[in-house]
Amino acid sequence: MRAGAVDFVVKPVAPSGLHVSLRNALNASSTRRRTGADEEEPIGTLGFTDLITKSANMHAVIRVAEKAAASTIPS
């Protein structure tokens, strides 16, 4: 949290808990923009590099998600 995290989730996470955490993170980001804090951050952009994990399994999941996001195959 001291390094700038807004929230954290404990696994297994319920969808409703994840929704609340994401909403809080977006609200905190919006507040920082309105107050002028963190002006060097692009507005409204979050990417795979914003995900923090030590788990090798989660790194594998992120790599698959990056490939899926870059795909031109229609969903």
PDB file of N, CA and C in Angstrom:
ATOM      1  N   MET A   1       0.828  -1.182   0.000  1.00  0.00           N
ATOM      2  CA  MET A   1       0.000   0.000   0.000  1.00  0.00           C
ATOM      3  C   MET A   1       0.880   1.256   0.000  1.00  0.00           C
ATOM      4  N   ARG A   2       2.022   1.180   0.686  1.00  0.00           N
ATOM      5  CA  ARG A   2       2.913   2.342   0.707  1.00  0.00           C
ATOM      6  C   ARG A   2       3.495   2.640  -0.668  1.00  0.00           C
ATOM      7  N   ALA A   3       3.541   1.621  -1.535  1.00  0.00           N
ATOM      8  CA  ALA A   3       4.106   1.808  -2.873  1.00  0.00           C
ATOM      9  C   ALA A   3       3.083   2.345  -3.865  1.00  0.00           C
ATOM     10  N   GLY A   4       1.848   2.590  -3.403  1.00  0.00           N
ATOM     11  CA  GLY A   4       0.855   3.197  -4.274  1.00  0.00           C
ATOM     12  C   GLY A   4      -0.348   2.336  -4.581  1.00  0.00           C
ATOM     13  N   ALA A   5      -0.429   1.141  -4.012  1.00  0.00           N
ATOM     14  CA  ALA A   5      -1.607   0.310  -4.242  1.00  0.00           C
ATOM     15  C   ALA A   5      -2.825   0.962  -3.602  1.00  0.00           C
ATOM     16  N   VAL A   6      -3.954   0.827  -4.240  1.00  0.00           N
ATOM     17  CA  VAL A   6      -5.187   1.411  -3.732  1.00  0.00           C
ATOM     18  C   VAL A   6      -5.940   0.400  -2.878  1.00  0.00           C
ATOM     19  N   ASP A   7      -5.831  -0.877  -3.237  1.00  0.00           N
ATOM     20  CA  ASP A   7      -6.577  -1.919  -2.560  1.00  0.00           C
ATOM     21  C   ASP A   7      -5.868  -3.239  -2.808  1.00  0.00           C
ATOM     22  N   PHE A   8      -6.361  -4.293  -2.212  1.00  0.00           N
ATOM     23  CA  PHE A   8      -5.851  -5.631  -2.473  1.00  0.00           C
ATOM     24  C   PHE A   8      -7.005  -6.601  -2.374  1.00  0.00           C
ATOM     25  N   VAL A   9      -6.835  -7.769  -2.961  1.00  0.00           N
ATOM     26  CA  VAL A   9      -7.870  -8.796  -2.885  1.00  0.00           C
ATOM     27  C   VAL A   9      -7.268 -10.042  -2.255  1.00  0.00           C
ATOM     28  N   VAL A  10      -8.093 -10.751  -1.523  1.00  0.00           N
ATOM     29  CA  VAL A  10      -7.687 -11.998  -0.901  1.00  0.00           C
ATOM     30  C   VAL A  10      -8.346 -13.125  -1.684  1.00  0.00           C
ATOM     31  N   LYS A  11      -7.546 -14.106  -2.096  1.00  0.00           N
ATOM     32  CA  LYS A  11      -8.092 -15.219  -2.866  1.00  0.00           C
ATOM     33  C   LYS A  11      -8.672 -16.264  -1.931  1.00  0.00           C
ATOM     34  N   PRO A  12      -9.718 -16.935  -2.312  1.00  0.00           N
ATOM     35  CA  PRO A  12     -10.465 -16.716  -3.558  1.00  0.00           C
ATOM     36  C   PRO A  12     -11.326 -15.458  -3.437  1.00  0.00           C
ATOM     37  N   VAL A  13     -11.354 -14.699  -4.495  1.00  0.00           N
ATOM     38  CA  VAL A  13     -12.095 -13.439  -4.477  1.00  0.00           C
ATOM     39  C   VAL A  13     -13.486 -13.653  -5.082  1.00  0.00           C
ATOM     40  N   ALA A  14     -14.476 -13.121  -4.426  1.00  0.00           N
ATOM     41  CA  ALA A  14     -15.842 -13.170  -4.950  1.00  0.00           C
ATOM     42  C   ALA A  14     -15.993 -12.090  -6.018  1.00  0.00           C
ATOM     43  N   PRO A  15     -16.769 -12.352  -7.045  1.00  0.00           N
ATOM     44  CA  PRO A  15     -16.965 -11.326  -8.082  1.00  0.00           C
ATOM     45  C   PRO A  15     -17.423  -9.987  -7.510  1.00  0.00           C
ATOM     46  N   SER A  16     -18.289 -10.010  -6.508  1.00  0.00           N
ATOM     47  CA  SER A  16     -18.760  -8.752  -5.932  1.00  0.00           C
ATOM     48  C   SER A  16     -17.618  -8.009  -5.228  1.00  0.00           C
ATOM     49  N   GLY A  17     -16.727  -8.755  -4.570  1.00  0.00           N
ATOM     50  CA  GLY A  17     -15.574  -8.127  -3.920  1.00  0.00           C
ATOM     51  C   GLY A  17     -14.617  -7.526  -4.921  1.00  0.00           C
ATOM     52  N   LEU A  18     -14.401  -8.220  -6.041  1.00  0.00           N
ATOM     53  CA  LEU A  18     -13.532  -7.698  -7.098  1.00  0.00           C
ATOM     54  C   LEU A  18     -14.148  -6.446  -7.708  1.00  0.00           C
ATOM     55  N   HIS A  19     -15.452  -6.460  -7.887  1.00  0.00           N
ATOM     56  CA  HIS A  19     -16.149  -5.293  -8.434  1.00  0.00           C
ATOM     57  C   HIS A  19     -15.950  -4.074  -7.531  1.00  0.00           C
ATOM     58  N   VAL A  20     -16.082  -4.263  -6.237  1.00  0.00           N
ATOM     59  CA  VAL A  20     -15.900  -3.171  -5.278  1.00  0.00           C
ATOM     60  C   VAL A  20     -14.461  -2.655  -5.328  1.00  0.00           C
ATOM     61  N   SER A  21     -13.489  -3.566  -5.361  1.00  0.00           N
ATOM     62  CA  SER A  21     -12.082  -3.155  -5.406  1.00  0.00           C
ATOM     63  C   SER A  21     -11.770  -2.361  -6.670  1.00  0.00           C
ATOM     64  N   LEU A  22     -12.280  -2.829  -7.807  1.00  0.00           N
ATOM     65  CA  LEU A  22     -12.035  -2.118  -9.064  1.00  0.00           C
ATOM     66  C   LEU A  22     -12.715  -0.749  -9.064  1.00  0.00           C
ATOM     67  N   ARG A  23     -13.943  -0.689  -8.546  1.00  0.00           N
ATOM     68  CA  ARG A  23     -14.644   0.600  -8.472  1.00  0.00           C
ATOM     69  C   ARG A  23     -13.873   1.574  -7.577  1.00  0.00           C
ATOM     70  N   ASN A  24     -13.368   1.092  -6.445  1.00  0.00           N
ATOM     71  CA  ASN A  24     -12.590   1.950  -5.552  1.00  0.00           C
ATOM     72  C   ASN A  24     -11.311   2.448  -6.222  1.00  0.00           C
ATOM     73  N   ALA A  25     -10.653   1.568  -6.972  1.00  0.00           N
ATOM     74  CA  ALA A  25      -9.419   1.964  -7.666  1.00  0.00           C
ATOM     75  C   ALA A  25      -9.717   3.025  -8.714  1.00  0.00           C
ATOM     76  N   LEU A  26     -10.789   2.848  -9.460  1.00  0.00           N
ATOM     77  CA  LEU A  26     -11.152   3.846 -10.468  1.00  0.00           C
ATOM     78  C   LEU A  26     -11.535   5.168  -9.824  1.00  0.00           C
ATOM     79  N   ASN A  27     -12.240   5.117  -8.707  1.00  0.00           N
ATOM     80  CA  ASN A  27     -12.597   6.346  -7.989  1.00  0.00           C
ATOM     81  C   ASN A  27     -11.357   7.061  -7.467  1.00  0.00           C
ATOM     82  N   ALA A  28     -10.409   6.302  -6.942  1.00  0.00           N
ATOM     83  CA  ALA A  28      -9.172   6.901  -6.432  1.00  0.00           C
ATOM     84  C   ALA A  28      -8.382   7.542  -7.566  1.00  0.00           C
ATOM     85  N   SER A  29      -8.356   6.881  -8.723  1.00  0.00           N
ATOM     86  CA  SER A  29      -7.664   7.428  -9.884  1.00  0.00           C
ATOM     87  C   SER A  29      -8.319   8.719 -10.347  1.00  0.00           C
ATOM     88  N   SER A  30      -9.643   8.731 -10.352  1.00  0.00           N
ATOM     89  CA  SER A  30     -10.381   9.919 -10.750  1.00  0.00           C
ATOM     90  C   SER A  30     -10.113  11.075  -9.788  1.00  0.00           C
ATOM     91  N   THR A  31     -10.059  10.766  -8.504  1.00  0.00           N
ATOM     92  CA  THR A  31      -9.786  11.790  -7.490  1.00  0.00           C
ATOM     93  C   THR A  31      -8.391  12.378  -7.675  1.00  0.00           C
ATOM     94  N   ARG A  32      -7.401  11.522  -7.954  1.00  0.00           N
ATOM     95  CA  ARG A  32      -6.031  12.009  -8.171  1.00  0.00           C
ATOM     96  C   ARG A  32      -5.972  12.944  -9.368  1.00  0.00           C
ATOM     97  N   ARG A  33      -6.720  12.608 -10.429  1.00  0.00           N
ATOM     98  CA  ARG A  33      -6.719  13.475 -11.615  1.00  0.00           C
ATOM     99  C   ARG A  33      -7.349  14.825 -11.307  1.00  0.00           C
ATOM    100  N   ARG A  34      -8.461  14.808 -10.543  1.00  0.00           N
ATOM    101  CA  ARG A  34      -9.143  16.066 -10.219  1.00  0.00           C
ATOM    102  C   ARG A  34      -8.292  16.955  -9.324  1.00  0.00           C
ATOM    103  N   THR A  35      -7.491  16.352  -8.443  1.00  0.00           N
ATOM    104  CA  THR A  35      -6.679  17.145  -7.519  1.00  0.00           C
ATOM    105  C   THR A  35      -5.323  17.495  -8.110  1.00  0.00           C
ATOM    106  N   GLY A  36      -5.021  16.957  -9.310  1.00  0.00           N
ATOM    107  CA  GLY A  36      -3.749  17.262  -9.945  1.00  0.00           C
ATOM    108  C   GLY A  36      -2.615  16.364  -9.508  1.00  0.00           C
ATOM    109  N   ALA A  37      -2.868  15.409  -8.641  1.00  0.00           N
ATOM    110  CA  ALA A  37      -1.824  14.473  -8.221  1.00  0.00           C
ATOM    111  C   ALA A  37      -1.537  13.507  -9.352  1.00  0.00           C
ATOM    112  N   ASP A  38      -0.299  13.061  -9.423  1.00  0.00           N
ATOM    113  CA  ASP A  38       0.111  12.079 -10.436  1.00  0.00           C
ATOM    114  C   ASP A  38      -0.191  12.553 -11.852  1.00  0.00           C
ATOM    115  N   GLU A  39       0.138  13.791 -12.172  1.00  0.00           N
ATOM    116  CA  GLU A  39      -0.191  14.339 -13.480  1.00  0.00           C
ATOM    117  C   GLU A  39       0.516  13.631 -14.618  1.00  0.00           C
ATOM    118  N   GLU A  40       1.614  12.933 -14.335  1.00  0.00           N
ATOM    119  CA  GLU A  40       2.326  12.251 -15.409  1.00  0.00           C
ATOM    120  C   GLU A  40       1.633  10.970 -15.862  1.00  0.00           C
ATOM    121  N   GLU A  41       0.639  10.487 -15.103  1.00  0.00           N
ATOM    122  CA  GLU A  41      -0.078   9.268 -15.483  1.00  0.00           C
ATOM    123  C   GLU A  41      -1.041   9.549 -16.616  1.00  0.00           C
ATOM    124  N   PRO A  42      -1.064   8.687 -17.632  1.00  0.00           N
ATOM    125  CA  PRO A  42      -2.083   8.846 -18.671  1.00  0.00           C
ATOM    126  C   PRO A  42      -3.467   8.654 -18.071  1.00  0.00           C
ATOM    127  N   ILE A  43      -4.420   9.409 -18.528  1.00  0.00           N
ATOM    128  CA  ILE A  43      -5.768   9.359 -17.969  1.00  0.00           C
ATOM    129  C   ILE A  43      -6.511   8.142 -18.510  1.00  0.00           C
ATOM    130  N   GLY A  44      -7.065   7.359 -17.598  1.00  0.00           N
ATOM    131  CA  GLY A  44      -7.930   6.258 -17.971  1.00  0.00           C
ATOM    132  C   GLY A  44      -7.267   5.060 -18.608  1.00  0.00           C
ATOM    133  N   THR A  45      -5.959   4.891 -18.427  1.00  0.00           N
ATOM    134  CA  THR A  45      -5.311   3.736 -19.041  1.00  0.00           C
ATOM    135  C   THR A  45      -4.748   2.815 -17.975  1.00  0.00           C
ATOM    136  N   LEU A  46      -5.189   1.589 -18.032  1.00  0.00           N
ATOM    137  CA  LEU A  46      -4.632   0.524 -17.211  1.00  0.00           C
ATOM    138  C   LEU A  46      -4.269  -0.600 -18.167  1.00  0.00           C
ATOM    139  N   GLY A  47      -3.176  -1.246 -17.895  1.00  0.00           N
ATOM    140  CA  GLY A  47      -2.758  -2.332 -18.773  1.00  0.00           C
ATOM    141  C   GLY A  47      -2.274  -3.523 -17.984  1.00  0.00           C
ATOM    142  N   PHE A  48      -1.811  -4.500 -18.704  1.00  0.00           N
ATOM    143  CA  PHE A  48      -1.334  -5.720 -18.065  1.00  0.00           C
ATOM    144  C   PHE A  48      -0.133  -5.448 -17.167  1.00  0.00           C
ATOM    145  N   THR A  49       0.656  -4.433 -17.475  1.00  0.00           N
ATOM    146  CA  THR A  49       1.813  -4.112 -16.637  1.00  0.00           C
ATOM    147  C   THR A  49       1.402  -3.535 -15.288  1.00  0.00           C
ATOM    148  N   ASP A  50       0.138  -3.157 -15.155  1.00  0.00           N
ATOM    149  CA  ASP A  50      -0.349  -2.652 -13.873  1.00  0.00           C
ATOM    150  C   ASP A  50      -0.698  -3.777 -12.898  1.00  0.00           C
ATOM    151  N   LEU A  51      -0.738  -5.012 -13.395  1.00  0.00           N
ATOM    152  CA  LEU A  51      -1.027  -6.162 -12.541  1.00  0.00           C
ATOM    153  C   LEU A  51       0.246  -6.592 -11.829  1.00  0.00           C
ATOM    154  N   ILE A  52       0.165  -6.769 -10.532  1.00  0.00           N
ATOM    155  CA  ILE A  52       1.326  -7.134  -9.732  1.00  0.00           C
ATOM    156  C   ILE A  52       1.082  -8.499  -9.106  1.00  0.00           C
ATOM    157  N   THR A  53       1.992  -9.418  -9.357  1.00  0.00           N
ATOM    158  CA  THR A  53       1.883 -10.752  -8.779  1.00  0.00           C
ATOM    159  C   THR A  53       3.268 -11.383  -8.687  1.00  0.00           C
ATOM    160  N   LYS A  54       3.418 -12.270  -7.751  1.00  0.00           N
ATOM    161  CA  LYS A  54       4.641 -13.056  -7.631  1.00  0.00           C
ATOM    162  C   LYS A  54       4.422 -14.481  -8.129  1.00  0.00           C
ATOM    163  N   SER A  55       3.179 -14.811  -8.420  1.00  0.00           N
ATOM    164  CA  SER A  55       2.801 -16.164  -8.800  1.00  0.00           C
ATOM    165  C   SER A  55       3.171 -16.466 -10.253  1.00  0.00           C
ATOM    166  N   ALA A  56       3.888 -17.549 -10.453  1.00  0.00           N
ATOM    167  CA  ALA A  56       4.226 -17.974 -11.808  1.00  0.00           C
ATOM    168  C   ALA A  56       2.964 -18.315 -12.593  1.00  0.00           C
ATOM    169  N   ASN A  57       1.983 -18.898 -11.917  1.00  0.00           N
ATOM    170  CA  ASN A  57       0.721 -19.226 -12.588  1.00  0.00           C
ATOM    171  C   ASN A  57       0.006 -17.969 -13.058  1.00  0.00           C
ATOM    172  N   MET A  58      -0.006 -16.931 -12.236  1.00  0.00           N
ATOM    173  CA  MET A  58      -0.659 -15.681 -12.645  1.00  0.00           C
ATOM    174  C   MET A  58       0.101 -15.005 -13.784  1.00  0.00           C
ATOM    175  N   HIS A  59       1.425 -15.104 -13.784  1.00  0.00           N
ATOM    176  CA  HIS A  59       2.196 -14.557 -14.904  1.00  0.00           C
ATOM    177  C   HIS A  59       1.807 -15.263 -16.199  1.00  0.00           C
ATOM    178  N   ALA A  60       1.584 -16.583 -16.120  1.00  0.00           N
ATOM    179  CA  ALA A  60       1.142 -17.334 -17.298  1.00  0.00           C
ATOM    180  C   ALA A  60      -0.241 -16.865 -17.745  1.00  0.00           C
ATOM    181  N   VAL A  61      -1.136 -16.632 -16.801  1.00  0.00           N
ATOM    182  CA  VAL A  61      -2.482 -16.141 -17.128  1.00  0.00           C
ATOM    183  C   VAL A  61      -2.384 -14.777 -17.805  1.00  0.00           C
ATOM    184  N   ILE A  62      -1.541 -13.908 -17.296  1.00  0.00           N
ATOM    185  CA  ILE A  62      -1.381 -12.569 -17.869  1.00  0.00           C
ATOM    186  C   ILE A  62      -0.840 -12.656 -19.294  1.00  0.00           C
ATOM    187  N   ARG A  63       0.124 -13.559 -19.537  1.00  0.00           N
ATOM    188  CA  ARG A  63       0.656 -13.725 -20.893  1.00  0.00           C
ATOM    189  C   ARG A  63      -0.441 -14.176 -21.861  1.00  0.00           C
ATOM    190  N   VAL A  64      -1.281 -15.112 -21.428  1.00  0.00           N
ATOM    191  CA  VAL A  64      -2.388 -15.566 -22.277  1.00  0.00           C
ATOM    192  C   VAL A  64      -3.358 -14.414 -22.535  1.00  0.00           C
ATOM    193  N   ALA A  65      -3.660 -13.642 -21.504  1.00  0.00           N
ATOM    194  CA  ALA A  65      -4.569 -12.503 -21.666  1.00  0.00           C
ATOM    195  C   ALA A  65      -3.983 -11.463 -22.616  1.00  0.00           C
ATOM    196  N   GLU A  66      -2.685 -11.218 -22.534  1.00  0.00           N
ATOM    197  CA  GLU A  66      -2.043 -10.271 -23.467  1.00  0.00           C
ATOM    198  C   GLU A  66      -2.176 -10.756 -24.907  1.00  0.00           C
ATOM    199  N   LYS A  67      -1.969 -12.049 -25.126  1.00  0.00           N
ATOM    200  CA  LYS A  67      -2.100 -12.608 -26.468  1.00  0.00           C
ATOM    201  C   LYS A  67      -3.541 -12.485 -26.961  1.00  0.00           C
ATOM    202  N   ALA A  68      -4.495 -12.771 -26.077  1.00  0.00           N
ATOM    203  CA  ALA A  68      -5.909 -12.666 -26.456  1.00  0.00           C
ATOM    204  C   ALA A  68      -6.275 -11.224 -26.779  1.00  0.00           C
ATOM    205  N   ALA A  69      -5.768 -10.287 -26.015  1.00  0.00           N
ATOM    206  CA  ALA A  69      -6.089  -8.876 -26.233  1.00  0.00           C
ATOM    207  C   ALA A  69      -5.508  -8.381 -27.561  1.00  0.00           C
ATOM    208  N   ALA A  70      -4.365  -8.928 -27.954  1.00  0.00           N
ATOM    209  CA  ALA A  70      -3.720  -8.500 -29.188  1.00  0.00           C
ATOM    210  C   ALA A  70      -4.305  -9.191 -30.419  1.00  0.00           C
ATOM    211  N   SER A  71      -5.122 -10.206 -30.203  1.00  0.00           N
ATOM    212  CA  SER A  71      -5.691 -10.984 -31.304  1.00  0.00           C
ATOM    213  C   SER A  71      -6.687 -10.166 -32.114  1.00  0.00           C
ATOM    214  N   THR A  72      -6.731 -10.440 -33.383  1.00  0.00           N
ATOM    215  CA  THR A  72      -7.713  -9.785 -34.259  1.00  0.00           C
ATOM    216  C   THR A  72      -8.918 -10.680 -34.526  1.00  0.00           C
ATOM    217  N   ILE A  73      -8.944 -11.849 -33.869  1.00  0.00           N
ATOM    218  CA  ILE A  73     -10.059 -12.774 -34.026  1.00  0.00           C
ATOM    219  C   ILE A  73     -11.274 -12.178 -33.326  1.00  0.00           C
ATOM    220  N   PRO A  74     -12.416 -12.102 -33.997  1.00  0.00           N
ATOM    221  CA  PRO A  74     -13.601 -11.535 -33.349  1.00  0.00           C
ATOM    222  C   PRO A  74     -14.060 -12.417 -32.190  1.00  0.00           C
ATOM    223  N   SER A  75     -14.612 -11.788 -31.177  1.00  0.00           N
ATOM    224  CA  SER A  75     -15.051 -12.561 -29.998  1.00  0.00           C
ATOM    225  C   SER A  75     -16.396 -13.185 -30.213  1.00  0.00           C
TER     226      SER A  75
END
